[in-house]
PDB file of N, CA and C in Angstrom:
ATOM      1  N   ALA A   1     -67.139   5.457 -14.650  1.00  0.00           N
ATOM      2  CA  ALA A   1     -66.993   4.054 -15.044  1.00  0.00           C
ATOM      3  C   ALA A   1     -65.730   3.481 -14.435  1.00  0.00           C
ATOM      4  N   LYS A   2     -65.724   2.176 -14.225  1.00  0.00           N
ATOM      5  CA  LYS A   2     -64.530   1.515 -13.709  1.00  0.00           C
ATOM      6  C   LYS A   2     -63.449   1.522 -14.771  1.00  0.00           C
ATOM      7  N   SER A   3     -62.210   1.519 -14.325  1.00  0.00           N
ATOM      8  CA  SER A   3     -61.076   1.545 -15.238  1.00  0.00           C
ATOM      9  C   SER A   3     -61.185   0.454 -16.286  1.00  0.00           C
ATOM     10  N   GLY A   4     -61.001   0.826 -17.548  1.00  0.00           N
ATOM     11  CA  GLY A   4     -61.028  -0.122 -18.649  1.00  0.00           C
ATOM     12  C   GLY A   4     -62.383  -0.277 -19.299  1.00  0.00           C
ATOM     13  N   MET A   5     -63.455   0.150 -18.648  1.00  0.00           N
ATOM     14  CA  MET A   5     -64.786  -0.012 -19.222  1.00  0.00           C
ATOM     15  C   MET A   5     -65.076   1.041 -20.280  1.00  0.00           C
ATOM     16  N   GLY A   6     -64.538   2.207 -20.111  1.00  0.00           N
ATOM     17  CA  GLY A   6     -64.710   3.262 -21.095  1.00  0.00           C
ATOM     18  C   GLY A   6     -65.859   4.197 -20.780  1.00  0.00           C
ATOM     19  N   ASN A   7     -65.796   5.375 -21.376  1.00  0.00           N
ATOM     20  CA  ASN A   7     -66.781   6.433 -21.204  1.00  0.00           C
ATOM     21  C   ASN A   7     -67.022   7.053 -22.565  1.00  0.00           C
ATOM     22  N   ALA A   8     -68.171   7.691 -22.747  1.00  0.00           N
ATOM     23  CA  ALA A   8     -68.455   8.347 -24.019  1.00  0.00           C
ATOM     24  C   ALA A   8     -69.336   9.565 -23.801  1.00  0.00           C
ATOM     25  N   ILE A   9     -69.056  10.610 -24.582  1.00  0.00           N
ATOM     26  CA  ILE A   9     -69.904  11.797 -24.638  1.00  0.00           C
ATOM     27  C   ILE A   9     -70.308  11.924 -26.102  1.00  0.00           C
ATOM     28  N   ALA A  10     -71.568  11.661 -26.379  1.00  0.00           N
ATOM     29  CA  ALA A  10     -72.046  11.540 -27.760  1.00  0.00           C
ATOM     30  C   ALA A  10     -72.117  12.870 -28.492  1.00  0.00           C
ATOM     31  N   ALA A  11     -72.093  12.784 -29.814  1.00  0.00           N
ATOM     32  CA  ALA A  11     -72.222  13.948 -30.691  1.00  0.00           C
ATOM     33  C   ALA A  11     -73.534  14.665 -30.400  1.00  0.00           C
ATOM     34  N   GLY A  12     -73.508  15.966 -30.535  1.00  0.00           N
ATOM     35  CA  GLY A  12     -74.700  16.771 -30.316  1.00  0.00           C
ATOM     36  C   GLY A  12     -74.763  17.364 -28.923  1.00  0.00           C
ATOM     37  N   GLY A  13     -73.980  16.826 -28.004  1.00  0.00           N
ATOM     38  CA  GLY A  13     -73.966  17.336 -26.635  1.00  0.00           C
ATOM     39  C   GLY A  13     -73.039  18.520 -26.483  1.00  0.00           C
ATOM     40  N   LYS A  14     -73.194  19.229 -25.374  1.00  0.00           N
ATOM     41  CA  LYS A  14     -72.333  20.363 -25.070  1.00  0.00           C
ATOM     42  C   LYS A  14     -72.122  20.378 -23.562  1.00  0.00           C
ATOM     43  N   LEU A  15     -70.844  20.307 -23.146  1.00  0.00           N
ATOM     44  CA  LEU A  15     -70.503  20.300 -21.736  1.00  0.00           C
ATOM     45  C   LEU A  15     -69.502  21.396 -21.430  1.00  0.00           C
ATOM     46  N   GLU A  16     -69.574  21.903 -20.207  1.00  0.00           N
ATOM     47  CA  GLU A  16     -68.626  22.924 -19.789  1.00  0.00           C
ATOM     48  C   GLU A  16     -68.265  22.670 -18.332  1.00  0.00           C
ATOM     49  N   GLY A  17     -66.948  22.762 -18.013  1.00  0.00           N
ATOM     50  CA  GLY A  17     -66.514  22.588 -16.638  1.00  0.00           C
ATOM     51  C   GLY A  17     -65.279  21.717 -16.543  1.00  0.00           C
ATOM     52  N   LYS A  18     -65.043  21.149 -15.358  1.00  0.00           N
ATOM     53  CA  LYS A  18     -63.913  20.259 -15.117  1.00  0.00           C
ATOM     54  C   LYS A  18     -64.419  18.821 -15.171  1.00  0.00           C
ATOM     55  N   LEU A  19     -63.832  18.023 -16.057  1.00  0.00           N
ATOM     56  CA  LEU A  19     -64.240  16.631 -16.225  1.00  0.00           C
ATOM     57  C   LEU A  19     -63.063  15.724 -15.916  1.00  0.00           C
ATOM     58  N   HIS A  20     -63.301  14.678 -15.119  1.00  0.00           N
ATOM     59  CA  HIS A  20     -62.260  13.721 -14.781  1.00  0.00           C
ATOM     60  C   HIS A  20     -62.782  12.325 -15.105  1.00  0.00           C
ATOM     61  N   PHE A  21     -61.985  11.571 -15.865  1.00  0.00           N
ATOM     62  CA  PHE A  21     -62.378  10.225 -16.268  1.00  0.00           C
ATOM     63  C   PHE A  21     -61.349   9.211 -15.799  1.00  0.00           C
ATOM     64  N   ILE A  22     -61.835   8.050 -15.388  1.00  0.00           N
ATOM     65  CA  ILE A  22     -60.981   6.906 -15.111  1.00  0.00           C
ATOM     66  C   ILE A  22     -61.233   5.930 -16.248  1.00  0.00           C
ATOM     67  N   GLY A  23     -60.192   5.624 -16.989  1.00  0.00           N
ATOM     68  CA  GLY A  23     -60.338   4.769 -18.166  1.00  0.00           C
ATOM     69  C   GLY A  23     -60.481   5.606 -19.419  1.00  0.00           C
ATOM     70  N   PRO A  24     -60.585   4.945 -20.559  1.00  0.00           N
ATOM     71  CA  PRO A  24     -60.659   5.655 -21.837  1.00  0.00           C
ATOM     72  C   PRO A  24     -61.986   6.399 -22.005  1.00  0.00           C
ATOM     73  N   VAL A  25     -61.932   7.460 -22.816  1.00  0.00           N
ATOM     74  CA  VAL A  25     -63.143   8.236 -23.089  1.00  0.00           C
ATOM     75  C   VAL A  25     -63.177   8.611 -24.571  1.00  0.00           C
ATOM     76  N   ILE A  26     -64.364   8.548 -25.149  1.00  0.00           N
ATOM     77  CA  ILE A  26     -64.598   8.963 -26.532  1.00  0.00           C
ATOM     78  C   ILE A  26     -65.463  10.212 -26.480  1.00  0.00           C
ATOM     79  N   ILE A  27     -65.005  11.275 -27.147  1.00  0.00           N
ATOM     80  CA  ILE A  27     -65.737  12.541 -27.126  1.00  0.00           C
ATOM     81  C   ILE A  27     -66.182  12.895 -28.531  1.00  0.00           C
ATOM     82  N   GLY A  28     -67.492  12.986 -28.710  1.00  0.00           N
ATOM     83  CA  GLY A  28     -68.063  13.378 -29.989  1.00  0.00           C
ATOM     84  C   GLY A  28     -68.785  14.707 -29.892  1.00  0.00           C
ATOM     85  N   ALA A  29     -68.837  15.276 -28.696  1.00  0.00           N
ATOM     86  CA  ALA A  29     -69.567  16.511 -28.426  1.00  0.00           C
ATOM     87  C   ALA A  29     -68.617  17.705 -28.349  1.00  0.00           C
ATOM     88  N   HIS A  30     -69.185  18.856 -28.005  1.00  0.00           N
ATOM     89  CA  HIS A  30     -68.401  20.076 -27.778  1.00  0.00           C
ATOM     90  C   HIS A  30     -68.172  20.190 -26.279  1.00  0.00           C
ATOM     91  N   VAL A  31     -66.904  20.204 -25.869  1.00  0.00           N
ATOM     92  CA  VAL A  31     -66.549  20.302 -24.460  1.00  0.00           C
ATOM     93  C   VAL A  31     -65.655  21.514 -24.265  1.00  0.00           C
ATOM     94  N   ARG A  32     -65.995  22.318 -23.262  1.00  0.00           N
ATOM     95  CA  ARG A  32     -65.190  23.488 -22.926  1.00  0.00           C
ATOM     96  C   ARG A  32     -64.815  23.401 -21.451  1.00  0.00           C
ATOM     97  N   GLY A  33     -63.503  23.503 -21.167  1.00  0.00           N
ATOM     98  CA  GLY A  33     -63.051  23.447 -19.779  1.00  0.00           C
ATOM     99  C   GLY A  33     -61.799  22.609 -19.639  1.00  0.00           C
ATOM    100  N   GLU A  34     -61.724  21.836 -18.554  1.00  0.00           N
ATOM    101  CA  GLU A  34     -60.568  20.994 -18.284  1.00  0.00           C
ATOM    102  C   GLU A  34     -60.995  19.529 -18.330  1.00  0.00           C
ATOM    103  N   ILE A  35     -60.163  18.707 -18.985  1.00  0.00           N
ATOM    104  CA  ILE A  35     -60.439  17.275 -19.071  1.00  0.00           C
ATOM    105  C   ILE A  35     -59.200  16.518 -18.624  1.00  0.00           C
ATOM    106  N   ASP A  36     -59.394  15.605 -17.679  1.00  0.00           N
ATOM    107  CA  ASP A  36     -58.326  14.741 -17.198  1.00  0.00           C
ATOM    108  C   ASP A  36     -58.763  13.292 -17.356  1.00  0.00           C
ATOM    109  N   SER A  37     -57.828  12.453 -17.819  1.00  0.00           N
ATOM    110  CA  SER A  37     -58.062  11.012 -17.891  1.00  0.00           C
ATOM    111  C   SER A  37     -56.746  10.304 -17.645  1.00  0.00           C
ATOM    112  N   ASP A  38     -56.810   9.168 -16.959  1.00  0.00           N
ATOM    113  CA  ASP A  38     -55.604   8.381 -16.735  1.00  0.00           C
ATOM    114  C   ASP A  38     -55.311   7.469 -17.914  1.00  0.00           C
ATOM    115  N   ASP A  39     -56.098   7.586 -18.973  1.00  0.00           N
ATOM    116  CA  ASP A  39     -56.019   6.679 -20.108  1.00  0.00           C
ATOM    117  C   ASP A  39     -56.154   7.473 -21.415  1.00  0.00           C
ATOM    118  N   LEU A  40     -56.778   6.878 -22.388  1.00  0.00           N
ATOM    119  CA  LEU A  40     -56.962   7.433 -23.730  1.00  0.00           C
ATOM    120  C   LEU A  40     -58.122   8.420 -23.786  1.00  0.00           C
ATOM    121  N   ILE A  41     -57.920   9.517 -24.509  1.00  0.00           N
ATOM    122  CA  ILE A  41     -59.020  10.391 -24.912  1.00  0.00           C
ATOM    123  C   ILE A  41     -59.034  10.378 -26.431  1.00  0.00           C
ATOM    124  N   LEU A  42     -60.161   9.981 -26.997  1.00  0.00           N
ATOM    125  CA  LEU A  42     -60.351   9.935 -28.448  1.00  0.00           C
ATOM    126  C   LEU A  42     -61.377  10.997 -28.816  1.00  0.00           C
ATOM    127  N   VAL A  43     -60.974  11.968 -29.609  1.00  0.00           N
ATOM    128  CA  VAL A  43     -61.878  13.022 -30.062  1.00  0.00           C
ATOM    129  C   VAL A  43     -62.352  12.638 -31.456  1.00  0.00           C
ATOM    130  N   GLU A  44     -63.639  12.301 -31.566  1.00  0.00           N
ATOM    131  CA  GLU A  44     -64.213  11.911 -32.854  1.00  0.00           C
ATOM    132  C   GLU A  44     -64.274  13.103 -33.798  1.00  0.00           C
ATOM    133  N   ALA A  45     -64.568  12.845 -35.070  1.00  0.00           N
ATOM    134  CA  ALA A  45     -64.655  13.906 -36.083  1.00  0.00           C
ATOM    135  C   ALA A  45     -65.684  14.961 -35.694  1.00  0.00           C
ATOM    136  N   THR A  46     -66.728  14.579 -34.970  1.00  0.00           N
ATOM    137  CA  THR A  46     -67.752  15.530 -34.528  1.00  0.00           C
ATOM    138  C   THR A  46     -67.376  16.227 -33.228  1.00  0.00           C
ATOM    139  N   GLY A  47     -66.302  15.787 -32.602  1.00  0.00           N
ATOM    140  CA  GLY A  47     -65.906  16.322 -31.303  1.00  0.00           C
ATOM    141  C   GLY A  47     -65.099  17.596 -31.393  1.00  0.00           C
ATOM    142  N   ARG A  48     -65.280  18.449 -30.387  1.00  0.00           N
ATOM    143  CA  ARG A  48     -64.523  19.695 -30.302  1.00  0.00           C
ATOM    144  C   ARG A  48     -64.231  19.962 -28.832  1.00  0.00           C
ATOM    145  N   ILE A  49     -62.963  20.180 -28.510  1.00  0.00           N
ATOM    146  CA  ILE A  49     -62.569  20.474 -27.137  1.00  0.00           C
ATOM    147  C   ILE A  49     -61.859  21.814 -27.109  1.00  0.00           C
ATOM    148  N   GLU A  50     -62.294  22.678 -26.190  1.00  0.00           N
ATOM    149  CA  GLU A  50     -61.648  23.963 -25.948  1.00  0.00           C
ATOM    150  C   GLU A  50     -61.242  23.987 -24.485  1.00  0.00           C
ATOM    151  N   GLY A  51     -59.928  23.951 -24.224  1.00  0.00           N
ATOM    152  CA  GLY A  51     -59.476  23.993 -22.839  1.00  0.00           C
ATOM    153  C   GLY A  51     -58.248  23.147 -22.613  1.00  0.00           C
ATOM    154  N   ARG A  52     -57.976  22.849 -21.355  1.00  0.00           N
ATOM    155  CA  ARG A  52     -56.794  22.080 -20.977  1.00  0.00           C
ATOM    156  C   ARG A  52     -57.121  20.593 -20.948  1.00  0.00           C
ATOM    157  N   ILE A  53     -56.203  19.784 -21.506  1.00  0.00           N
ATOM    158  CA  ILE A  53     -56.366  18.331 -21.536  1.00  0.00           C
ATOM    159  C   ILE A  53     -55.119  17.692 -20.944  1.00  0.00           C
ATOM    160  N   ARG A  54     -55.340  16.746 -20.009  1.00  0.00           N
ATOM    161  CA  ARG A  54     -54.257  15.915 -19.491  1.00  0.00           C
ATOM    162  C   ARG A  54     -54.718  14.466 -19.583  1.00  0.00           C
ATOM    163  N   CYS A  55     -53.883  13.638 -20.239  1.00  0.00           N
ATOM    164  CA  CYS A  55     -54.240  12.238 -20.409  1.00  0.00           C
ATOM    165  C   CYS A  55     -52.990  11.443 -20.755  1.00  0.00           C
ATOM    166  N   ALA A  56     -53.139  10.125 -20.861  1.00  0.00           N
ATOM    167  CA  ALA A  56     -52.022   9.286 -21.284  1.00  0.00           C
ATOM    168  C   ALA A  56     -51.835   9.394 -22.793  1.00  0.00           C
ATOM    169  N   THR A  57     -52.923   9.195 -23.532  1.00  0.00           N
ATOM    170  CA  THR A  57     -52.876   9.225 -24.996  1.00  0.00           C
ATOM    171  C   THR A  57     -54.038  10.065 -25.512  1.00  0.00           C
ATOM    172  N   LEU A  58     -53.753  10.951 -26.464  1.00  0.00           N
ATOM    173  CA  LEU A  58     -54.790  11.763 -27.093  1.00  0.00           C
ATOM    174  C   LEU A  58     -54.771  11.489 -28.584  1.00  0.00           C
ATOM    175  N   ILE A  59     -55.933  11.101 -29.128  1.00  0.00           N
ATOM    176  CA  ILE A  59     -56.095  10.881 -30.566  1.00  0.00           C
ATOM    177  C   ILE A  59     -57.169  11.844 -31.045  1.00  0.00           C
ATOM    178  N   VAL A  60     -56.818  12.681 -32.029  1.00  0.00           N
ATOM    179  CA  VAL A  60     -57.715  13.746 -32.484  1.00  0.00           C
ATOM    180  C   VAL A  60     -58.152  13.514 -33.928  1.00  0.00           C
ATOM    181  N   HIS A  61     -59.453  13.312 -34.103  1.00  0.00           N
ATOM    182  CA  HIS A  61     -60.069  13.274 -35.438  1.00  0.00           C
ATOM    183  C   HIS A  61     -60.868  14.562 -35.668  1.00  0.00           C
ATOM    184  N   GLY A  62     -61.258  15.224 -34.576  1.00  0.00           N
ATOM    185  CA  GLY A  62     -62.044  16.449 -34.620  1.00  0.00           C
ATOM    186  C   GLY A  62     -61.170  17.673 -34.421  1.00  0.00           C
ATOM    187  N   ALA A  63     -61.549  18.534 -33.462  1.00  0.00           N
ATOM    188  CA  ALA A  63     -60.812  19.782 -33.228  1.00  0.00           C
ATOM    189  C   ALA A  63     -60.495  19.944 -31.744  1.00  0.00           C
ATOM    190  N   VAL A  64     -59.257  20.328 -31.463  1.00  0.00           N
ATOM    191  CA  VAL A  64     -58.812  20.581 -30.093  1.00  0.00           C
ATOM    192  C   VAL A  64     -58.097  21.917 -30.063  1.00  0.00           C
ATOM    193  N   SER A  65     -58.467  22.742 -29.081  1.00  0.00           N
ATOM    194  CA  SER A  65     -57.841  24.041 -28.921  1.00  0.00           C
ATOM    195  C   SER A  65     -57.543  24.238 -27.445  1.00  0.00           C
ATOM    196  N   GLY A  66     -56.251  24.400 -27.112  1.00  0.00           N
ATOM    197  CA  GLY A  66     -55.885  24.610 -25.718  1.00  0.00           C
ATOM    198  C   GLY A  66     -54.532  24.027 -25.394  1.00  0.00           C
ATOM    199  N   ASP A  67     -54.281  23.806 -24.105  1.00  0.00           N
ATOM    200  CA  ASP A  67     -53.028  23.236 -23.632  1.00  0.00           C
ATOM    201  C   ASP A  67     -53.203  21.737 -23.432  1.00  0.00           C
ATOM    202  N   ILE A  68     -52.324  20.961 -24.063  1.00  0.00           N
ATOM    203  CA  ILE A  68     -52.426  19.508 -24.039  1.00  0.00           C
ATOM    204  C   ILE A  68     -51.178  18.908 -23.414  1.00  0.00           C
ATOM    205  N   GLU A  69     -51.383  17.966 -22.498  1.00  0.00           N
ATOM    206  CA  GLU A  69     -50.298  17.192 -21.932  1.00  0.00           C
ATOM    207  C   GLU A  69     -50.691  15.720 -22.063  1.00  0.00           C
ATOM    208  N   ALA A  70     -50.060  15.042 -23.015  1.00  0.00           N
ATOM    209  CA  ALA A  70     -50.317  13.623 -23.248  1.00  0.00           C
ATOM    210  C   ALA A  70     -49.091  12.850 -22.778  1.00  0.00           C
ATOM    211  N   GLY A  71     -49.218  12.114 -21.689  1.00  0.00           N
ATOM    212  CA  GLY A  71     -48.088  11.448 -21.050  1.00  0.00           C
ATOM    213  C   GLY A  71     -47.414  10.373 -21.875  1.00  0.00           C
ATOM    214  N   LYS A  72     -48.156   9.732 -22.794  1.00  0.00           N
ATOM    215  CA  LYS A  72     -47.569   8.679 -23.633  1.00  0.00           C
ATOM    216  C   LYS A  72     -47.469   9.097 -25.097  1.00  0.00           C
ATOM    217  N   SER A  73     -48.599   9.539 -25.674  1.00  0.00           N
ATOM    218  CA  SER A  73     -48.555   9.896 -27.097  1.00  0.00           C
ATOM    219  C   SER A  73     -49.701  10.821 -27.487  1.00  0.00           C
ATOM    220  N   LEU A  74     -49.469  11.542 -28.589  1.00  0.00           N
ATOM    221  CA  LEU A  74     -50.442  12.445 -29.188  1.00  0.00           C
ATOM    222  C   LEU A  74     -50.503  12.130 -30.667  1.00  0.00           C
ATOM    223  N   GLU A  75     -51.709  11.968 -31.191  1.00  0.00           N
ATOM    224  CA  GLU A  75     -51.886  11.649 -32.605  1.00  0.00           C
ATOM    225  C   GLU A  75     -52.961  12.550 -33.192  1.00  0.00           C
ATOM    226  N   ILE A  76     -52.612  13.252 -34.282  1.00  0.00           N
ATOM    227  CA  ILE A  76     -53.561  14.087 -35.004  1.00  0.00           C
ATOM    228  C   ILE A  76     -53.853  13.360 -36.312  1.00  0.00           C
ATOM    229  N   CYS A  77     -55.075  12.916 -36.469  1.00  0.00           N
ATOM    230  CA  CYS A  77     -55.454  12.112 -37.632  1.00  0.00           C
ATOM    231  C   CYS A  77     -55.928  12.998 -38.779  1.00  0.00           C
ATOM    232  N   SER A  78     -55.964  12.436 -39.956  1.00  0.00           N
ATOM    233  CA  SER A  78     -56.394  13.141 -41.157  1.00  0.00           C
ATOM    234  C   SER A  78     -57.737  13.825 -40.910  1.00  0.00           C
ATOM    235  N   GLY A  79     -57.793  15.129 -41.178  1.00  0.00           N
ATOM    236  CA  GLY A  79     -59.003  15.909 -40.946  1.00  0.00           C
ATOM    237  C   GLY A  79     -59.044  16.556 -39.571  1.00  0.00           C
ATOM    238  N   GLY A  80     -58.120  16.196 -38.685  1.00  0.00           N
ATOM    239  CA  GLY A  80     -58.091  16.744 -37.330  1.00  0.00           C
ATOM    240  C   GLY A  80     -57.469  18.127 -37.272  1.00  0.00           C
ATOM    241  N   ARG A  81     -57.791  18.865 -36.206  1.00  0.00           N
ATOM    242  CA  ARG A  81     -57.270  20.216 -35.995  1.00  0.00           C
ATOM    243  C   ARG A  81     -56.720  20.328 -34.587  1.00  0.00           C
ATOM    244  N   LEU A  82     -55.547  20.955 -34.459  1.00  0.00           N
ATOM    245  CA  LEU A  82     -54.933  21.194 -33.155  1.00  0.00           C
ATOM    246  C   LEU A  82     -54.422  22.618 -33.109  1.00  0.00           C
ATOM    247  N   GLU A  83     -54.841  23.359 -32.083  1.00  0.00           N
ATOM    248  CA  GLU A  83     -54.379  24.721 -31.867  1.00  0.00           C
ATOM    249  C   GLU A  83     -54.020  24.882 -30.401  1.00  0.00           C
ATOM    250  N   GLY A  84     -52.949  25.624 -30.116  1.00  0.00           N
ATOM    251  CA  GLY A  84     -52.560  25.875 -28.734  1.00  0.00           C
ATOM    252  C   GLY A  84     -51.140  25.440 -28.463  1.00  0.00           C
ATOM    253  N   ALA A  85     -50.953  24.658 -27.397  1.00  0.00           N
ATOM    254  CA  ALA A  85     -49.644  24.148 -27.012  1.00  0.00           C
ATOM    255  C   ALA A  85     -49.803  22.687 -26.627  1.00  0.00           C
ATOM    256  N   ALA A  86     -48.846  21.851 -27.060  1.00  0.00           N
ATOM    257  CA  ALA A  86     -48.947  20.423 -26.787  1.00  0.00           C
ATOM    258  C   ALA A  86     -47.613  19.852 -26.353  1.00  0.00           C
ATOM    259  N   PHE A  87     -47.660  18.993 -25.331  1.00  0.00           N
ATOM    260  CA  PHE A  87     -46.484  18.290 -24.849  1.00  0.00           C
ATOM    261  C   PHE A  87     -46.773  16.792 -24.830  1.00  0.00           C
ATOM    262  N   SER A  88     -45.823  16.006 -25.354  1.00  0.00           N
ATOM    263  CA  SER A  88     -45.914  14.554 -25.304  1.00  0.00           C
ATOM    264  C   SER A  88     -44.561  13.972 -25.689  1.00  0.00           C
ATOM    265  N   PRO A  89     -44.219  12.792 -25.166  1.00  0.00           N
ATOM    266  CA  PRO A  89     -42.958  12.169 -25.571  1.00  0.00           C
ATOM    267  C   PRO A  89     -43.017  11.580 -26.986  1.00  0.00           C
ATOM    268  N   SER A  90     -44.224  11.411 -27.525  1.00  0.00           N
ATOM    269  CA  SER A  90     -44.388  10.848 -28.866  1.00  0.00           C
ATOM    270  C   SER A  90     -45.547  11.542 -29.575  1.00  0.00           C
ATOM    271  N   MET A  91     -45.298  12.017 -30.809  1.00  0.00           N
ATOM    272  CA  MET A  91     -46.354  12.671 -31.591  1.00  0.00           C
ATOM    273  C   MET A  91     -46.386  12.123 -33.000  1.00  0.00           C
ATOM    274  N   ARG A  92     -47.597  12.011 -33.515  1.00  0.00           N
ATOM    275  CA  ARG A  92     -47.797  11.556 -34.895  1.00  0.00           C
ATOM    276  C   ARG A  92     -48.831  12.470 -35.542  1.00  0.00           C
ATOM    277  N   VAL A  93     -48.494  13.005 -36.703  1.00  0.00           N
ATOM    278  CA  VAL A  93     -49.394  13.895 -37.433  1.00  0.00           C
ATOM    279  C   VAL A  93     -49.577  13.331 -38.837  1.00  0.00           C
ATOM    280  N   GLU A  94     -50.809  13.005 -39.180  1.00  0.00           N
ATOM    281  CA  GLU A  94     -51.101  12.465 -40.503  1.00  0.00           C
ATOM    282  C   GLU A  94     -51.275  13.592 -41.518  1.00  0.00           C
ATOM    283  N   GLU A  95     -51.415  13.204 -42.777  1.00  0.00           N
ATOM    284  CA  GLU A  95     -51.672  14.174 -43.846  1.00  0.00           C
ATOM    285  C   GLU A  95     -53.053  14.793 -43.679  1.00  0.00           C
ATOM    286  N   ARG A  96     -53.248  15.948 -44.302  1.00  0.00           N
ATOM    287  CA  ARG A  96     -54.521  16.670 -44.323  1.00  0.00           C
ATOM    288  C   ARG A  96     -55.029  17.010 -42.916  1.00  0.00           C
ATOM    289  N   THR A  97     -54.092  17.493 -42.070  1.00  0.00           N
ATOM    290  CA  THR A  97     -54.458  17.986 -40.749  1.00  0.00           C
ATOM    291  C   THR A  97     -54.159  19.476 -40.682  1.00  0.00           C
ATOM    292  N   HIS A  98     -54.666  20.117 -39.657  1.00  0.00           N
ATOM    293  CA  HIS A  98     -54.362  21.527 -39.412  1.00  0.00           C
ATOM    294  C   HIS A  98     -53.751  21.614 -38.025  1.00  0.00           C
ATOM    295  N   VAL A  99     -52.472  21.963 -37.954  1.00  0.00           N
ATOM    296  CA  VAL A  99     -51.788  22.109 -36.670  1.00  0.00           C
ATOM    297  C   VAL A  99     -51.217  23.513 -36.581  1.00  0.00           C
ATOM    298  N   SER A 100     -51.710  24.261 -35.624  1.00  0.00           N
ATOM    299  CA  SER A 100     -51.211  25.597 -35.349  1.00  0.00           C
ATOM    300  C   SER A 100     -50.943  25.647 -33.845  1.00  0.00           C
ATOM    301  N   ALA A 101     -49.834  25.007 -33.459  1.00  0.00           N
ATOM    302  CA  ALA A 101     -49.567  24.839 -32.033  1.00  0.00           C
ATOM    303  C   ALA A 101     -48.061  24.836 -31.755  1.00  0.00           C
ATOM    304  N   ASP A 102     -47.717  25.160 -30.522  1.00  0.00           N
ATOM    305  CA  ASP A 102     -46.352  24.995 -30.049  1.00  0.00           C
ATOM    306  C   ASP A 102     -46.246  23.547 -29.602  1.00  0.00           C
ATOM    307  N   LEU A 103     -45.342  22.783 -30.240  1.00  0.00           N
ATOM    308  CA  LEU A 103     -45.204  21.366 -29.934  1.00  0.00           C
ATOM    309  C   LEU A 103     -43.908  21.122 -29.190  1.00  0.00           C
ATOM    310  N   LEU A 104     -43.963  20.391 -28.102  1.00  0.00           N
ATOM    311  CA  LEU A 104     -42.771  19.991 -27.346  1.00  0.00           C
ATOM    312  C   LEU A 104     -42.774  18.475 -27.239  1.00  0.00           C
ATOM    313  N   ILE A 105     -41.793  17.869 -27.883  1.00  0.00           N
ATOM    314  CA  ILE A 105     -41.647  16.422 -27.845  1.00  0.00           C
ATOM    315  C   ILE A 105     -40.432  16.125 -26.963  1.00  0.00           C
ATOM    316  N   ALA A 106     -40.681  15.576 -25.783  1.00  0.00           N
ATOM    317  CA  ALA A 106     -39.616  15.310 -24.820  1.00  0.00           C
ATOM    318  C   ALA A 106     -40.050  14.170 -23.903  1.00  0.00           C
ATOM    319  N   PRO A 107     -39.080  13.417 -23.371  1.00  0.00           N
ATOM    320  CA  PRO A 107     -39.441  12.278 -22.530  1.00  0.00           C
ATOM    321  C   PRO A 107     -40.099  12.653 -21.194  1.00  0.00           C
ATOM    322  N   GLN A 108     -39.817  13.797 -20.656  1.00  0.00           N
ATOM    323  CA  GLN A 108     -40.400  14.195 -19.363  1.00  0.00           C
ATOM    324  C   GLN A 108     -41.052  15.546 -19.457  1.00  0.00           C
TER     325      GLN A 108
END
């Protein structure tokens, strides 16, 4: 999709491999592998990602396991799960989340 239009992977799907997105993406499915986006990645409550993620902003309502590099911000919402290692200059963790990760909050 063109930048700004958005992308979506619906609940019930299962993908494996290297995925690259231009613009924001909403993930409701199970994805295993590497995901890159120059924008937002939103993991819905039904979404599960296992692997490496690089993006500007990551918002997690579902489950993420792996190495995360969020260039602008990382947000774990109520009910979300994060395992692995995460780097971002800004992080927000709401109540009723599960975080079992090495977190590095730094500007670069």
